[in-house]
Amino acid sequence: MGRIIFSVVVLVLLTVLIVMNLGPTTSVNLFGARFDKVPVVAVAMLSFAVGVVYSLFLYIGQSLHRSSRERLAQRHRDIEERERKLAAAQGKTEQPAPEPVPESPPVDASAAKTQSRTSRFFKMFR
């Protein structure tokens, strides 16, 4: 939370600096469309807004990925618990117990080994 507050304060200070230099204008070429005499402040504010929206989409994607990973881990724990209960019930009826299945690594450990560039990118912002 502190990182967000710090970022907002720095961006507000930069915006004030830009507003104090309102005079200069520039020309902008936006995918072939050329705009002349656009205030530099307008370009900076538009760039800031686009960056915020882009960051929002990255954050939402990261949150969805994390929640699906947590749900998968919870399902894995539930299945293991059901298997233990089934094995205990079979042991009480004196049926031969199935061979123990070697434990698989936790979901997070295997995910850490096979990180993609995107997940490493998200870790930079944690």
Foldseek 3Di string as FASTA:
>chain_A
DVVVVVVVVVVVVVLVVLVVVFPDFAWDQDPNDIRGRHTPSVVVVVVVVVVVVVVVVLVVVVVVVVVVLVVVLVVVVVVVVVLVVVQVVCVVVVDDGDDDDPDDDRSVVVCVVDDDPSVVVVVVVD
